[in-house]
Amino acid sequence: MRAQIATLLDEFEAQGESVRLARQLLLKERRLPLKYLLRAASLEDKNSTGVTDVNKFYGQSAPNFLHIGSARS
């Protein structure tokens, strides 16, 4: 899968597309973003939590299986 993504990015780049960010995020980062559910607040009043949406928090904690140094590459 990594080779296929790299090939596609190379093709897009050859067509003049900017792929630097995609290459960095998909192939070079050691961790991928992961959406966390911090609390089940669907029944809570948003004013009580002080945030717009308590269920949307992203962290960089998922191992990137496409990273060249990962165990699954």
N, C-alpha and C. Protein backbone atom coordinates (compact mmCIF):
# COMPACT_ATOMS: atom_id res chain seq x y z
N MET A 1 0.82 -1.17 0.00
CA MET A 1 0.00 0.00 0.00
C MET A 1 0.88 1.26 0.00
N ARG A 2 1.97 1.22 0.76
CA ARG A 2 2.87 2.37 0.82
C ARG A 2 3.42 2.68 -0.56
N ALA A 3 3.84 1.65 -1.28
CA ALA A 3 4.40 1.84 -2.62
C ALA A 3 3.36 2.41 -3.57
N GLN A 4 2.12 1.96 -3.47
CA GLN A 4 1.06 2.47 -4.33
C GLN A 4 0.78 3.95 -4.05
N ILE A 5 0.75 4.31 -2.79
CA ILE A 5 0.52 5.71 -2.43
C ILE A 5 1.68 6.58 -2.91
N ALA A 6 2.90 6.10 -2.71
CA ALA A 6 4.08 6.84 -3.17
C ALA A 6 4.04 7.02 -4.69
N THR A 7 3.65 6.00 -5.41
CA THR A 7 3.56 6.09 -6.87
C THR A 7 2.51 7.11 -7.29
N LEU A 8 1.35 7.08 -6.64
CA LEU A 8 0.30 8.05 -6.95
C LEU A 8 0.76 9.48 -6.67
N LEU A 9 1.44 9.67 -5.54
CA LEU A 9 1.94 10.99 -5.21
C LEU A 9 2.96 11.46 -6.24
N ASP A 10 3.82 10.55 -6.69
CA ASP A 10 4.79 10.88 -7.73
C ASP A 10 4.10 11.29 -9.03
N GLU A 11 3.02 10.58 -9.38
CA GLU A 11 2.27 10.90 -10.59
C GLU A 11 1.62 12.28 -10.49
N PHE A 12 1.01 12.55 -9.33
CA PHE A 12 0.39 13.86 -9.13
C PHE A 12 1.43 14.97 -9.20
N GLU A 13 2.58 14.72 -8.60
CA GLU A 13 3.65 15.71 -8.60
C GLU A 13 4.14 15.97 -10.03
N ALA A 14 4.25 14.92 -10.83
CA ALA A 14 4.69 15.07 -12.22
C ALA A 14 3.68 15.88 -13.04
N GLN A 15 2.42 15.87 -12.60
CA GLN A 15 1.38 16.65 -13.27
C GLN A 15 1.31 18.08 -12.75
N GLY A 16 2.22 18.42 -11.84
CA GLY A 16 2.28 19.78 -11.33
C GLY A 16 1.53 20.02 -10.04
N GLU A 17 1.01 18.97 -9.44
CA GLU A 17 0.29 19.12 -8.17
C GLU A 17 1.27 19.20 -7.01
N SER A 18 0.91 19.94 -5.99
CA SER A 18 1.72 20.03 -4.78
C SER A 18 1.37 18.85 -3.87
N VAL A 19 2.32 17.98 -3.64
CA VAL A 19 2.06 16.79 -2.83
C VAL A 19 2.92 16.75 -1.57
N ARG A 20 3.64 17.81 -1.32
CA ARG A 20 4.57 17.84 -0.18
C ARG A 20 3.85 17.53 1.14
N LEU A 21 2.72 18.19 1.40
CA LEU A 21 2.00 17.98 2.65
C LEU A 21 1.44 16.55 2.72
N ALA A 22 0.87 16.07 1.63
CA ALA A 22 0.33 14.70 1.61
C ALA A 22 1.43 13.68 1.86
N ARG A 23 2.58 13.88 1.23
CA ARG A 23 3.70 12.95 1.41
C ARG A 23 4.17 12.96 2.87
N GLN A 24 4.25 14.16 3.45
CA GLN A 24 4.68 14.28 4.84
C GLN A 24 3.70 13.58 5.78
N LEU A 25 2.41 13.88 5.62
CA LEU A 25 1.40 13.33 6.52
C LEU A 25 1.18 11.83 6.35
N LEU A 26 1.23 11.37 5.12
CA LEU A 26 0.93 9.95 4.86
C LEU A 26 2.14 9.03 5.01
N LEU A 27 3.31 9.49 4.58
CA LEU A 27 4.44 8.57 4.49
C LEU A 27 5.57 8.86 5.48
N LYS A 28 5.68 10.09 5.96
CA LYS A 28 6.84 10.43 6.77
C LYS A 28 6.56 10.59 8.26
N GLU A 29 5.34 10.96 8.61
CA GLU A 29 5.01 11.12 10.03
C GLU A 29 5.02 9.76 10.72
N ARG A 30 5.53 9.73 11.94
CA ARG A 30 5.57 8.48 12.69
C ARG A 30 4.20 8.16 13.31
N ARG A 31 3.39 9.17 13.50
CA ARG A 31 2.07 9.00 14.11
C ARG A 31 1.01 9.64 13.23
N LEU A 32 -0.18 9.05 13.22
CA LEU A 32 -1.32 9.59 12.48
C LEU A 32 -2.30 10.23 13.45
N PRO A 33 -3.07 11.21 12.96
CA PRO A 33 -4.10 11.80 13.81
C PRO A 33 -5.18 10.76 14.13
N LEU A 34 -5.69 10.85 15.31
CA LEU A 34 -6.73 9.93 15.75
C LEU A 34 -7.78 10.74 16.48
N LYS A 35 -9.03 10.50 16.18
CA LYS A 35 -10.12 11.21 16.84
C LYS A 35 -10.45 10.50 18.15
N TYR A 36 -10.48 11.27 19.22
CA TYR A 36 -10.79 10.74 20.54
C TYR A 36 -12.18 11.15 20.97
N LEU A 37 -12.85 10.29 21.65
CA LEU A 37 -14.09 10.63 22.32
C LEU A 37 -13.72 10.85 23.77
N LEU A 38 -13.67 12.11 24.17
CA LEU A 38 -13.22 12.42 25.52
C LEU A 38 -14.30 12.16 26.56
N ARG A 39 -15.53 12.42 26.20
CA ARG A 39 -16.63 12.15 27.12
C ARG A 39 -17.91 12.08 26.32
N ALA A 40 -18.81 11.26 26.77
CA ALA A 40 -20.10 11.14 26.10
C ALA A 40 -20.96 12.31 26.58
N ALA A 41 -20.96 13.37 25.83
CA ALA A 41 -21.63 14.59 26.26
C ALA A 41 -22.80 14.95 25.36
N SER A 42 -23.33 13.99 24.67
CA SER A 42 -24.41 14.30 23.73
C SER A 42 -25.65 14.82 24.46
N LEU A 43 -25.80 14.49 25.74
CA LEU A 43 -26.96 14.96 26.49
C LEU A 43 -26.63 16.16 27.37
N GLU A 44 -25.36 16.56 27.39
CA GLU A 44 -24.95 17.70 28.21
C GLU A 44 -25.19 19.01 27.48
N ASP A 45 -25.49 20.03 28.24
CA ASP A 45 -25.60 21.37 27.69
C ASP A 45 -24.19 21.86 27.35
N LYS A 46 -24.00 22.34 26.14
CA LYS A 46 -22.67 22.78 25.70
C LYS A 46 -22.14 23.91 26.59
N ASN A 47 -23.02 24.70 27.18
CA ASN A 47 -22.59 25.77 28.07
C ASN A 47 -21.93 25.22 29.33
N SER A 48 -22.32 24.04 29.76
CA SER A 48 -21.73 23.47 30.98
C SER A 48 -20.30 22.97 30.75
N THR A 49 -19.97 22.64 29.50
CA THR A 49 -18.63 22.15 29.21
C THR A 49 -17.68 23.26 28.79
N GLY A 50 -18.24 24.36 28.29
CA GLY A 50 -17.41 25.49 27.85
C GLY A 50 -16.77 25.30 26.49
N VAL A 51 -17.20 24.30 25.74
CA VAL A 51 -16.64 24.07 24.40
C VAL A 51 -17.77 23.95 23.39
N THR A 52 -17.41 24.08 22.12
CA THR A 52 -18.40 23.97 21.05
C THR A 52 -18.82 22.52 20.81
N ASP A 53 -17.84 21.62 20.77
CA ASP A 53 -18.14 20.21 20.53
C ASP A 53 -17.14 19.36 21.30
N VAL A 54 -17.57 18.74 22.37
CA VAL A 54 -16.66 17.97 23.21
C VAL A 54 -16.20 16.67 22.55
N ASN A 55 -16.87 16.26 21.50
CA ASN A 55 -16.54 14.97 20.89
C ASN A 55 -15.55 15.07 19.75
N LYS A 56 -14.96 16.22 19.53
CA LYS A 56 -13.99 16.35 18.44
C LYS A 56 -12.65 16.80 18.98
N PHE A 57 -11.84 15.84 19.32
CA PHE A 57 -10.48 16.11 19.75
C PHE A 57 -9.58 15.16 18.98
N TYR A 58 -8.56 15.71 18.36
CA TYR A 58 -7.65 14.88 17.58
C TYR A 58 -6.27 14.90 18.21
N GLY A 59 -5.64 13.76 18.27
CA GLY A 59 -4.29 13.66 18.80
C GLY A 59 -3.43 12.84 17.85
N GLN A 60 -2.15 12.98 17.97
CA GLN A 60 -1.20 12.26 17.12
C GLN A 60 -0.74 11.01 17.86
N SER A 61 -1.59 10.01 17.97
CA SER A 61 -1.20 8.84 18.75
C SER A 61 -1.32 7.51 18.01
N ALA A 62 -1.88 7.50 16.83
CA ALA A 62 -2.02 6.25 16.10
C ALA A 62 -0.72 5.97 15.34
N PRO A 63 -0.13 4.80 15.51
CA PRO A 63 1.07 4.48 14.76
C PRO A 63 0.79 4.53 13.25
N ASN A 64 1.69 5.10 12.50
CA ASN A 64 1.53 5.20 11.05
C ASN A 64 2.11 3.94 10.40
N PHE A 65 1.24 3.08 9.96
CA PHE A 65 1.68 1.82 9.34
C PHE A 65 2.33 2.05 7.99
N LEU A 66 2.22 3.26 7.43
CA LEU A 66 2.86 3.56 6.16
C LEU A 66 4.26 4.14 6.33
N HIS A 67 4.61 4.48 7.54
CA HIS A 67 5.94 5.07 7.80
C HIS A 67 7.02 4.02 7.53
N ILE A 68 8.09 4.41 6.90
CA ILE A 68 9.14 3.49 6.48
C ILE A 68 9.78 2.77 7.66
N GLY A 69 9.78 3.39 8.82
CA GLY A 69 10.42 2.78 9.99
C GLY A 69 9.47 1.95 10.83
N SER A 70 8.20 1.82 10.41
CA SER A 70 7.25 1.06 11.22
C SER A 70 7.48 -0.44 11.04
N ALA A 71 6.99 -1.19 11.96
CA ALA A 71 7.17 -2.65 11.93
C ALA A 71 6.39 -3.30 10.79
N ARG A 72 5.36 -2.62 10.27
CA ARG A 72 4.51 -3.20 9.25
C ARG A 72 4.82 -2.69 7.85
N SER A 73 5.90 -1.95 7.64
CA SER A 73 6.17 -1.37 6.32
C SER A 73 6.64 -2.42 5.33
